[in-house]
N, C-alpha and C. Protein backbone atom coordinates (compact mmCIF):
# COMPACT_ATOMS: atom_id res chain seq x y z
N MET A 1 74.92 32.25 150.38
CA MET A 1 74.71 33.55 151.00
C MET A 1 74.95 33.38 152.55
N THR A 2 75.59 34.18 153.05
CA THR A 2 75.79 34.17 154.55
C THR A 2 74.65 34.76 155.08
N LYS A 3 74.53 34.54 156.48
CA LYS A 3 73.41 35.08 157.36
C LYS A 3 73.59 36.65 157.42
N TYR A 4 74.82 37.19 157.49
CA TYR A 4 74.98 38.65 157.44
C TYR A 4 74.53 39.31 156.26
N ARG A 5 74.87 38.73 155.16
CA ARG A 5 74.38 39.18 153.84
C ARG A 5 72.96 39.16 153.63
N SER A 6 72.30 38.11 154.17
CA SER A 6 70.88 37.93 154.27
C SER A 6 70.11 39.13 154.89
N ILE A 7 70.72 39.30 156.12
CA ILE A 7 70.09 40.39 156.93
C ILE A 7 70.22 41.79 156.32
N LYS A 8 71.53 41.98 155.66
CA LYS A 8 71.82 43.17 154.89
C LYS A 8 70.85 43.35 153.79
N LEU A 9 70.61 42.32 153.05
CA LEU A 9 69.76 42.42 151.86
C LEU A 9 68.24 42.72 152.32
N VAL A 10 67.83 42.21 153.37
CA VAL A 10 66.50 42.43 153.89
C VAL A 10 66.47 43.92 154.31
N TRP A 11 67.43 44.38 155.05
CA TRP A 11 67.20 45.79 155.47
C TRP A 11 67.36 46.83 154.21
N LEU A 12 68.09 46.39 153.32
CA LEU A 12 68.14 47.31 151.95
C LEU A 12 66.77 47.13 151.31
N LEU A 13 66.11 46.06 151.29
CA LEU A 13 64.74 45.96 150.64
C LEU A 13 63.78 46.71 151.41
N LEU A 14 63.86 46.68 152.69
CA LEU A 14 62.88 47.42 153.68
C LEU A 14 63.09 48.93 153.45
N LEU A 15 64.37 49.39 153.35
CA LEU A 15 64.60 50.89 153.21
C LEU A 15 64.12 51.25 151.78
N ALA A 16 64.41 50.34 150.73
CA ALA A 16 63.83 50.76 149.47
C ALA A 16 62.33 50.90 149.44
N GLY A 17 61.71 50.13 150.23
CA GLY A 17 60.15 50.13 150.33
C GLY A 17 59.69 51.40 151.02
N VAL A 18 60.49 51.78 151.99
CA VAL A 18 60.15 52.98 152.67
C VAL A 18 60.25 54.21 151.87
N ALA A 19 61.33 54.22 150.90
CA ALA A 19 61.54 55.34 150.00
C ALA A 19 60.34 55.21 148.93
N VAL A 20 60.10 54.14 148.59
CA VAL A 20 59.00 54.04 147.49
C VAL A 20 57.82 54.64 148.13
N GLN A 21 57.43 54.07 149.28
CA GLN A 21 56.21 54.54 150.12
C GLN A 21 56.11 56.00 150.21
N ALA A 22 57.25 56.56 150.63
CA ALA A 22 57.25 58.03 150.79
C ALA A 22 56.92 58.89 149.59
N ASN A 23 57.35 58.32 148.41
CA ASN A 23 57.07 58.98 147.17
C ASN A 23 55.64 58.83 146.75
N GLU A 24 55.12 57.49 147.11
CA GLU A 24 53.72 57.19 146.66
C GLU A 24 52.79 58.19 147.51
N ASP A 25 53.16 58.35 148.75
CA ASP A 25 52.21 59.17 149.61
C ASP A 25 52.24 60.72 149.25
N LEU A 26 53.44 61.02 148.56
CA LEU A 26 53.57 62.41 148.05
C LEU A 26 52.94 62.71 146.64
N THR A 27 52.57 61.58 146.04
CA THR A 27 52.08 61.89 144.58
C THR A 27 50.71 62.30 144.60
N CYS A 28 50.43 63.30 143.86
CA CYS A 28 49.00 63.85 143.84
C CYS A 28 47.98 62.80 143.39
N PRO A 29 46.88 62.67 143.96
CA PRO A 29 45.90 61.74 143.53
C PRO A 29 45.58 62.03 142.17
N SER A 30 45.33 61.09 141.30
CA SER A 30 45.09 61.20 139.90
C SER A 30 43.78 62.04 139.58
N TYR A 31 42.85 61.87 140.46
CA TYR A 31 41.56 62.72 140.28
C TYR A 31 40.89 62.71 141.63
N ILE A 32 39.91 63.82 141.84
CA ILE A 32 39.26 63.94 142.91
C ILE A 32 37.66 64.07 142.57
N ALA A 33 36.77 63.81 143.48
CA ALA A 33 35.42 63.94 143.13
C ALA A 33 34.97 65.24 143.80
N VAL A 34 34.22 65.97 142.96
CA VAL A 34 33.74 67.26 143.41
C VAL A 34 32.28 67.47 143.15
N SER A 35 31.46 67.79 143.96
CA SER A 35 30.05 68.16 143.67
C SER A 35 29.67 69.47 143.79
N GLN A 36 28.84 69.93 143.01
CA GLN A 36 28.57 71.43 142.97
C GLN A 36 27.18 71.61 143.22
N LYS A 37 26.79 72.78 143.70
CA LYS A 37 25.49 73.17 144.02
C LYS A 37 25.45 74.64 143.95
N ALA A 38 24.33 75.32 143.41
CA ALA A 38 24.20 76.83 143.40
C ALA A 38 23.88 77.17 144.87
N THR A 39 24.59 78.21 145.54
CA THR A 39 24.41 78.71 146.78
C THR A 39 23.26 79.70 146.86
N THR A 40 23.22 80.53 145.92
CA THR A 40 22.01 81.49 145.94
C THR A 40 21.43 81.65 144.46
N PRO A 41 20.57 80.85 144.11
CA PRO A 41 20.05 81.00 142.82
C PRO A 41 19.28 82.24 142.47
N PRO A 42 19.42 82.80 141.42
CA PRO A 42 18.69 84.17 141.09
C PRO A 42 17.20 83.92 141.30
N PRO A 43 16.50 85.01 141.60
CA PRO A 43 15.10 85.06 141.93
C PRO A 43 14.35 84.62 140.61
N GLY A 44 13.49 83.63 140.74
CA GLY A 44 12.83 83.17 139.69
C GLY A 44 13.19 82.11 138.89
N TRP A 45 14.44 81.46 139.37
CA TRP A 45 15.15 80.44 138.63
C TRP A 45 14.94 79.09 139.49
N ASP A 46 14.70 78.03 139.06
CA ASP A 46 14.96 76.71 139.72
C ASP A 46 16.20 76.23 139.30
N VAL A 47 16.77 75.47 140.49
CA VAL A 47 18.15 74.85 140.36
C VAL A 47 17.98 73.41 140.33
N THR A 48 18.49 72.67 139.27
CA THR A 48 18.42 71.23 139.12
C THR A 48 19.86 70.86 138.83
N SER A 49 20.16 69.54 139.09
CA SER A 49 21.52 69.04 138.67
C SER A 49 21.29 68.03 137.63
N GLN A 50 22.24 68.00 136.72
CA GLN A 50 22.17 67.06 135.57
C GLN A 50 22.58 65.57 136.05
N SER A 51 23.15 65.52 137.20
CA SER A 51 23.64 64.27 137.71
C SER A 51 23.65 64.26 139.32
N ASN A 52 23.24 63.18 140.03
CA ASN A 52 23.46 63.20 141.43
C ASN A 52 24.85 62.83 141.84
N ASP A 53 25.67 62.24 140.84
CA ASP A 53 26.88 61.80 141.30
C ASP A 53 27.99 62.93 141.18
N ALA A 54 29.01 62.79 141.99
CA ALA A 54 29.98 63.85 142.06
C ALA A 54 30.83 63.75 140.68
N MET A 55 31.31 64.86 140.15
CA MET A 55 32.00 64.91 138.92
C MET A 55 33.50 64.61 139.35
N LEU A 56 34.20 63.95 138.37
CA LEU A 56 35.62 63.61 138.69
C LEU A 56 36.41 64.55 137.84
N HIS A 57 37.51 65.05 138.53
CA HIS A 57 38.42 66.07 138.00
C HIS A 57 39.89 65.61 137.98
N ASN A 58 40.49 65.56 136.95
CA ASN A 58 41.83 65.07 136.78
C ASN A 58 42.91 66.08 137.48
N VAL A 59 43.94 65.48 137.99
CA VAL A 59 45.02 66.25 138.35
C VAL A 59 45.61 67.19 137.14
N SER A 60 45.75 68.49 137.36
CA SER A 60 46.33 69.37 136.16
C SER A 60 47.51 70.05 136.60
N GLY A 61 47.89 70.06 137.76
CA GLY A 61 49.20 70.64 138.09
C GLY A 61 49.73 70.46 139.54
N VAL A 62 50.88 70.92 139.76
CA VAL A 62 51.47 70.85 141.15
C VAL A 62 52.17 72.28 141.50
N ASN A 63 52.09 72.63 142.63
CA ASN A 63 52.71 73.83 143.24
C ASN A 63 53.37 73.40 144.44
N PHE A 64 54.53 74.01 144.72
CA PHE A 64 55.18 73.76 145.86
C PHE A 64 55.28 75.02 146.84
N TYR A 65 55.33 74.92 148.09
CA TYR A 65 55.33 76.17 149.05
C TYR A 65 56.44 75.87 150.08
N ASP A 66 56.87 76.92 150.63
CA ASP A 66 57.67 76.94 151.85
C ASP A 66 56.67 77.36 152.87
N GLY A 67 56.18 76.34 153.55
CA GLY A 67 55.16 76.53 154.66
C GLY A 67 53.83 76.21 154.06
N PRO A 68 52.74 76.29 154.69
CA PRO A 68 51.44 75.99 154.19
C PRO A 68 51.00 76.97 153.17
N PRO A 69 50.29 76.50 152.07
CA PRO A 69 49.86 77.33 150.97
C PRO A 69 49.06 78.55 151.45
N SER A 70 48.34 78.50 152.48
CA SER A 70 47.71 79.74 153.03
C SER A 70 48.54 80.85 153.30
N GLU A 71 49.98 80.63 153.50
CA GLU A 71 50.91 81.63 153.71
C GLU A 71 51.37 82.35 152.41
N LEU A 72 50.97 81.74 151.28
CA LEU A 72 51.28 82.21 149.82
C LEU A 72 52.87 82.39 149.63
N VAL A 73 53.54 81.53 150.22
CA VAL A 73 55.01 81.57 149.80
C VAL A 73 55.34 80.45 148.73
N ARG A 74 54.88 80.67 147.51
CA ARG A 74 54.95 79.69 146.53
C ARG A 74 56.35 79.79 145.88
N LEU A 75 57.02 78.59 145.61
CA LEU A 75 58.21 78.33 145.17
C LEU A 75 58.34 78.37 143.59
N THR A 76 59.35 78.88 143.05
CA THR A 76 59.44 78.94 141.64
C THR A 76 60.46 77.74 141.30
N PRO A 77 60.32 77.08 140.04
CA PRO A 77 61.24 76.10 139.81
C PRO A 77 62.54 76.53 139.67
N SER A 78 63.53 75.61 140.05
CA SER A 78 65.03 75.83 139.82
C SER A 78 65.47 75.67 138.55
N ALA A 79 64.84 74.92 137.76
CA ALA A 79 65.04 74.64 136.32
C ALA A 79 63.76 74.20 135.52
N GLU A 80 63.70 74.61 134.26
CA GLU A 80 62.54 74.41 133.33
C GLU A 80 63.28 73.93 132.07
N LYS A 81 62.41 72.98 131.52
CA LYS A 81 62.86 72.54 130.10
C LYS A 81 61.75 72.04 129.23
N THR A 82 61.89 72.52 127.99
CA THR A 82 60.92 71.99 126.97
C THR A 82 61.60 71.43 125.83
N VAL A 83 61.18 70.04 125.54
CA VAL A 83 61.83 69.40 124.33
C VAL A 83 60.63 68.90 123.57
N GLY A 84 60.51 69.25 122.29
CA GLY A 84 59.30 68.71 121.55
C GLY A 84 58.10 69.12 122.30
N ASN A 85 57.31 68.05 122.41
CA ASN A 85 55.95 68.37 122.99
C ASN A 85 56.01 67.96 124.57
N ARG A 86 57.05 67.88 125.19
CA ARG A 86 57.21 67.53 126.56
C ARG A 86 57.78 68.66 127.35
N SER A 87 57.40 69.02 128.57
CA SER A 87 57.96 70.02 129.32
C SER A 87 58.11 69.62 130.85
N SER A 88 59.26 70.03 131.37
CA SER A 88 59.49 69.70 132.83
C SER A 88 59.86 70.84 133.56
N ALA A 89 59.66 70.66 134.95
CA ALA A 89 60.14 71.70 135.77
C ALA A 89 60.63 71.00 137.07
N THR A 90 61.81 71.43 137.57
CA THR A 90 62.40 70.88 138.80
C THR A 90 62.51 71.85 140.03
N TRP A 91 62.16 71.44 141.19
CA TRP A 91 62.29 72.32 142.33
C TRP A 91 63.41 71.78 143.40
N LYS A 92 64.26 72.49 143.70
CA LYS A 92 65.41 72.12 144.66
C LYS A 92 64.83 72.52 146.05
N LEU A 93 64.53 71.57 146.97
CA LEU A 93 63.95 71.87 148.18
C LEU A 93 64.86 71.78 149.37
N TYR A 94 65.81 72.77 149.38
CA TYR A 94 66.86 72.75 150.55
C TYR A 94 67.02 74.06 151.14
N LYS A 95 66.41 75.14 150.64
CA LYS A 95 66.37 76.50 151.39
C LYS A 95 65.15 76.65 152.03
N LYS A 96 65.03 76.49 153.24
CA LYS A 96 63.70 76.86 153.99
C LYS A 96 63.91 78.14 154.79
N ARG A 97 62.77 78.75 154.86
CA ARG A 97 62.69 79.95 155.93
C ARG A 97 62.73 79.20 157.21
N ASN A 98 63.03 79.99 158.25
CA ASN A 98 63.12 79.50 159.61
C ASN A 98 61.69 79.16 160.29
N SER A 99 60.84 79.02 159.52
CA SER A 99 59.49 78.81 160.12
C SER A 99 59.20 77.45 160.80
N GLY A 100 59.97 76.51 160.43
CA GLY A 100 59.84 75.13 160.89
C GLY A 100 58.56 74.46 160.40
N GLN A 101 57.92 75.01 159.42
CA GLN A 101 56.74 74.38 158.87
C GLN A 101 57.02 73.50 157.57
N GLY A 102 58.29 73.59 157.20
CA GLY A 102 58.50 72.69 155.96
C GLY A 102 58.01 72.99 154.76
N PHE A 103 58.21 72.17 153.59
CA PHE A 103 57.78 72.37 152.37
C PHE A 103 56.47 71.70 152.25
N TRP A 104 55.60 72.24 151.49
CA TRP A 104 54.28 71.71 151.28
C TRP A 104 53.95 71.56 149.69
N ILE A 105 53.24 70.62 149.39
CA ILE A 105 52.72 70.35 148.06
C ILE A 105 51.35 70.73 147.87
N GLU A 106 50.95 71.27 146.69
CA GLU A 106 49.52 71.52 146.45
C GLU A 106 49.16 70.95 145.08
N CYS A 107 48.15 70.13 144.94
CA CYS A 107 47.76 69.50 143.74
C CYS A 107 46.47 70.34 143.25
N THR A 108 46.47 70.67 141.93
CA THR A 108 45.42 71.39 141.32
C THR A 108 44.76 70.36 140.36
N TYR A 109 43.46 70.72 140.14
CA TYR A 109 42.66 69.74 139.24
C TYR A 109 41.95 70.57 138.29
N THR A 110 41.59 69.87 137.08
CA THR A 110 40.81 70.44 136.02
C THR A 110 39.49 70.89 136.34
N TYR A 111 39.25 72.18 135.82
CA TYR A 111 37.82 72.65 136.00
C TYR A 111 37.14 72.75 137.37
N THR A 112 38.05 73.01 138.35
CA THR A 112 37.54 73.26 139.73
C THR A 112 38.51 74.15 140.44
N HIS A 113 38.08 74.63 141.48
CA HIS A 113 38.95 75.59 142.32
C HIS A 113 39.41 74.80 143.54
N VAL A 114 38.87 73.51 143.70
CA VAL A 114 39.37 72.65 144.70
C VAL A 114 40.77 72.21 144.58
N VAL A 115 41.59 72.44 145.73
CA VAL A 115 42.94 71.90 145.54
C VAL A 115 43.18 70.97 146.82
N LEU A 116 44.17 70.12 146.70
CA LEU A 116 44.77 69.40 147.79
C LEU A 116 45.88 69.70 148.15
N SER A 117 46.35 69.85 149.47
CA SER A 117 47.72 70.16 149.83
C SER A 117 48.14 69.39 151.15
N LYS A 118 49.46 69.22 151.24
CA LYS A 118 49.92 68.56 152.58
C LYS A 118 51.25 68.82 152.64
N ARG A 119 51.85 68.69 153.83
CA ARG A 119 53.19 68.82 154.21
C ARG A 119 54.04 67.71 153.55
N MET A 120 55.23 68.08 153.02
CA MET A 120 56.09 67.16 152.56
C MET A 120 57.13 66.67 153.60
N PRO A 121 57.46 65.17 153.29
CA PRO A 121 58.50 64.76 154.23
C PRO A 121 59.78 65.62 154.06
N ASP A 122 60.40 65.75 155.25
CA ASP A 122 61.62 66.44 155.26
C ASP A 122 62.83 65.86 154.49
N SER A 123 62.63 64.60 154.16
CA SER A 123 63.64 63.75 153.48
C SER A 123 63.60 64.14 151.90
N ILE A 124 62.55 64.81 151.43
CA ILE A 124 62.46 65.11 150.00
C ILE A 124 63.25 66.25 149.77
N LYS A 125 64.23 66.33 148.82
CA LYS A 125 65.05 67.43 148.58
C LYS A 125 65.00 67.90 147.10
N GLU A 126 64.20 67.20 146.33
CA GLU A 126 63.89 67.65 144.86
C GLU A 126 62.75 66.99 144.26
N CYS A 127 62.05 67.73 143.54
CA CYS A 127 60.77 67.22 142.88
C CYS A 127 60.70 67.83 141.52
N SER A 128 60.26 66.93 140.52
CA SER A 128 60.22 67.30 139.19
C SER A 128 58.65 66.97 138.68
N THR A 129 58.12 67.87 137.94
CA THR A 129 56.88 67.62 137.25
C THR A 129 57.07 67.55 135.75
N TYR A 130 56.24 66.74 135.07
CA TYR A 130 56.35 66.49 133.71
C TYR A 130 54.96 66.77 133.04
N PHE A 131 54.98 67.40 131.97
CA PHE A 131 53.71 67.68 131.31
C PHE A 131 53.99 67.36 129.73
N GLU A 132 52.71 67.10 129.07
CA GLU A 132 52.81 66.78 127.60
C GLU A 132 51.93 67.72 126.87
N LYS A 133 52.46 68.44 125.91
CA LYS A 133 51.59 69.27 125.17
C LYS A 133 50.71 68.69 124.09
N TYR A 134 49.56 69.12 123.95
CA TYR A 134 48.65 68.59 122.87
C TYR A 134 47.92 69.74 122.39
N PRO A 135 47.47 69.56 121.08
CA PRO A 135 46.59 70.63 120.41
C PRO A 135 45.19 70.64 120.85
N THR A 136 44.62 71.79 120.88
CA THR A 136 43.32 71.87 121.24
C THR A 136 42.47 72.79 120.27
N PRO A 137 41.08 72.43 120.22
CA PRO A 137 40.40 73.36 119.30
C PRO A 137 40.28 74.95 119.71
N ARG A 138 40.24 75.04 121.10
CA ARG A 138 39.98 76.41 121.67
C ARG A 138 41.18 77.23 121.54
N ILE A 139 42.40 76.58 121.84
CA ILE A 139 43.63 77.45 121.94
C ILE A 139 44.70 76.80 121.18
N LYS A 140 45.89 77.30 120.94
CA LYS A 140 46.80 76.62 119.98
C LYS A 140 47.19 75.21 120.72
N TYR A 141 47.62 75.26 121.91
CA TYR A 141 47.83 73.93 122.60
C TYR A 141 47.63 74.16 124.09
N GLU A 142 47.64 72.99 124.82
CA GLU A 142 47.56 72.99 126.36
C GLU A 142 48.65 72.01 126.80
N TYR A 143 48.97 72.00 128.04
CA TYR A 143 49.89 70.89 128.59
C TYR A 143 48.95 70.18 129.49
N ALA A 144 49.10 68.84 129.46
CA ALA A 144 48.48 67.92 130.30
C ALA A 144 49.46 67.34 131.37
N PHE A 145 49.16 67.24 132.55
CA PHE A 145 50.15 66.62 133.63
C PHE A 145 50.19 65.26 133.31
N ASP A 146 51.60 64.88 133.41
CA ASP A 146 52.01 63.43 133.08
C ASP A 146 52.32 62.59 134.40
N ARG A 147 53.29 63.26 135.05
CA ARG A 147 53.70 62.59 136.24
C ARG A 147 54.62 63.57 137.12
N MET A 148 54.86 63.18 138.30
CA MET A 148 55.80 63.81 139.24
C MET A 148 56.63 62.81 139.90
N GLU A 149 57.97 63.16 140.14
CA GLU A 149 58.99 62.47 140.70
C GLU A 149 59.71 63.27 141.81
N CYS A 150 59.80 62.75 142.98
CA CYS A 150 60.51 63.29 143.98
C CYS A 150 61.53 62.45 144.60
N LYS A 151 62.60 63.05 145.11
CA LYS A 151 63.69 62.16 145.74
C LYS A 151 64.26 62.95 146.88
């Protein structure tokens, strides 16, 4: 292998590492720890906790926004597909308002109102989410978050 090809290979590996790192930074954390406490207990009631530890909540969904989620400009998927017990949705992220605030991702979690959000890198042009359907005793079925892929 020539010196030029070696340098080219090193640059390609570095660029691939940057792309992987960007996607890893964008992935919703698998779970978050949330602690609860009663803010105003009813008169005559004592408040105790069953555990001193924070409860872990698994990621349950992903939303995409044009600008910060507080502005409420939530995007709808460009395409959705269900095959068997798997469902997917894809967002094309190329039409921005002229706000200069970019696209944002919001991660939701099971059994809590706490969400995580952050601005997405401008290099991301498309994101897809994948869910798996499973039966539950309470309702006919639910979808469990499987993964997210962005490029």
